[in-house]
Amino acid sequence: MNQNYDPSDRSVQIVIPGDVLSTNVDSIRAAIFDAIESDEALQGGYERICLDLTAAKMIDSAGLNLLVSVLKVAKSRQASVIAKITSPHIQRTFSFTRLDKLIQVEKAETTTA
């Protein structure tokens, strides 16, 4: 999982390598929280948590729970959460659960090989 703090725009950027499911949510949670609780990010005072979910096609209830946890941390630090997605399934899930009202969703174009 690729993660970094960008001091130029005060954001923590995390690339999620695939689906966010109960089978892998613990490792994704650890990576996200390692990134947002790193010394560099905390000292820099991040304003945005950017989750790149473009490789994900599915997110289950455990994944949604993780996103709510990230939202709570962001809110406690007056930061916003941005999710970059390509999957129409994830878009529908965000809409159905109203997470799209709490998380800024950036719809990315899918690439074809």
Protein backbone atom coordinates (compact mmCIF):
# COMPACT_ATOMS: atom_id res chain seq x y z
CA MET A 1 0.00 0.00 0.00
CA ASN A 2 1.39 3.37 -1.03
CA GLN A 3 1.00 6.23 1.45
CA ASN A 4 2.60 9.61 1.98
CA TYR A 5 2.14 13.04 3.50
CA ASP A 6 2.23 15.93 1.03
CA PRO A 7 3.20 19.12 2.87
CA SER A 8 2.48 21.31 -0.17
CA ASP A 9 -1.28 20.77 0.16
CA ARG A 10 -1.30 19.38 3.71
CA SER A 11 -2.79 16.04 2.73
CA VAL A 12 -2.21 12.41 3.60
CA GLN A 13 -2.51 10.34 0.43
CA ILE A 14 -3.16 6.61 0.61
CA VAL A 15 -3.49 4.28 -2.37
CA ILE A 16 -5.63 1.22 -1.57
CA PRO A 17 -4.44 -1.63 -3.83
CA GLY A 18 -7.79 -3.40 -4.29
CA ASP A 19 -11.16 -4.23 -2.76
CA VAL A 20 -11.87 -3.27 0.85
CA LEU A 21 -13.36 -6.39 2.39
CA SER A 22 -13.51 -8.11 5.75
CA THR A 23 -10.68 -10.39 4.61
CA ASN A 24 -8.19 -7.52 4.25
CA VAL A 25 -9.66 -4.60 6.18
CA ASP A 26 -7.31 -5.03 9.16
CA SER A 27 -4.19 -4.52 7.06
CA ILE A 28 -5.78 -1.57 5.23
CA ARG A 29 -6.85 -0.05 8.57
CA ALA A 30 -3.30 -0.40 9.92
CA ALA A 31 -1.81 1.26 6.84
CA ILE A 32 -4.29 4.15 6.88
CA PHE A 33 -3.86 4.84 10.58
CA ASP A 34 -0.06 4.51 10.33
CA ALA A 35 -0.19 7.22 7.65
CA ILE A 36 -2.57 9.62 9.40
CA GLU A 37 -0.90 9.18 12.79
CA SER A 38 2.67 9.44 11.51
CA ASP A 39 4.88 12.09 13.09
CA GLU A 40 5.25 13.83 9.74
CA ALA A 41 1.49 14.07 9.14
CA LEU A 42 0.68 15.14 12.69
CA GLN A 43 3.43 17.77 12.78
CA GLY A 44 2.42 19.03 9.35
CA GLY A 45 -1.19 19.41 10.44
CA TYR A 46 -2.93 17.71 7.53
CA GLU A 47 -6.23 19.08 6.26
CA ARG A 48 -7.18 16.25 3.90
CA ILE A 49 -7.09 12.47 3.90
CA CYS A 50 -7.13 11.32 0.28
CA LEU A 51 -8.07 7.68 -0.27
CA ASP A 52 -7.34 6.40 -3.77
CA LEU A 53 -9.86 3.58 -4.25
CA THR A 54 -9.50 3.39 -8.04
CA ALA A 55 -8.22 -0.21 -7.85
CA ALA A 56 -11.22 -1.29 -5.75
CA LYS A 57 -14.30 -2.77 -7.32
CA MET A 58 -16.08 -3.68 -4.07
CA ILE A 59 -16.38 -2.50 -0.50
CA ASP A 60 -18.27 -4.49 2.13
CA SER A 61 -19.67 -3.57 5.54
CA ALA A 62 -16.26 -3.95 7.20
CA GLY A 63 -14.83 -1.54 4.63
CA LEU A 64 -17.64 0.93 5.24
CA ASN A 65 -16.96 0.69 8.97
CA LEU A 66 -13.32 1.54 8.27
CA LEU A 67 -14.35 4.62 6.28
CA VAL A 68 -16.54 5.78 9.16
CA SER A 69 -13.55 5.37 11.51
CA VAL A 70 -11.41 7.46 9.16
CA LEU A 71 -14.17 10.10 9.02
CA LYS A 72 -14.28 10.29 12.83
CA VAL A 73 -10.53 10.86 13.05
CA ALA A 74 -10.66 13.44 10.26
CA LYS A 75 -13.50 15.30 11.93
CA SER A 76 -11.64 15.35 15.25
CA ARG A 77 -8.71 17.02 13.46
CA GLN A 78 -10.86 19.39 11.35
CA ALA A 79 -9.78 17.54 8.20
CA SER A 80 -11.79 16.32 5.24
CA VAL A 81 -11.82 12.93 3.54
CA ILE A 82 -11.64 12.58 -0.22
CA ALA A 83 -12.21 9.26 -2.01
CA LYS A 84 -11.12 8.77 -5.60
CA ILE A 85 -13.14 5.95 -7.17
CA THR A 86 -13.81 4.36 -10.55
CA SER A 87 -16.23 1.56 -9.66
CA PRO A 88 -19.94 2.24 -10.24
CA HIS A 89 -20.63 -0.37 -7.53
CA ILE A 90 -18.69 1.66 -4.96
CA GLN A 91 -20.38 4.85 -6.18
CA ARG A 92 -23.79 3.23 -5.58
CA THR A 93 -22.69 2.00 -2.15
CA PHE A 94 -21.54 5.50 -1.18
CA SER A 95 -24.81 6.95 -2.42
CA PHE A 96 -27.01 4.29 -0.76
CA THR A 97 -25.26 4.70 2.61
CA ARG A 98 -25.06 8.49 2.16
CA LEU A 99 -21.32 8.42 2.67
CA ASP A 100 -21.15 10.63 -0.41
CA LYS A 101 -22.62 13.39 1.80
CA LEU A 102 -19.71 13.06 4.26
CA ILE A 103 -16.85 12.13 1.96
CA GLN A 104 -15.92 14.15 -1.10
CA VAL A 105 -16.08 11.65 -3.97
CA GLU A 106 -13.93 12.19 -7.02
CA LYS A 107 -14.98 9.95 -9.86
CA ALA A 108 -11.92 8.96 -11.89
CA GLU A 109 -12.05 7.69 -15.42
CA THR A 110 -11.33 4.02 -15.92
CA THR A 111 -8.42 3.16 -18.14
CA THR A 112 -8.61 0.50 -20.79
CA ALA A 113 -5.60 -1.49 -21.90
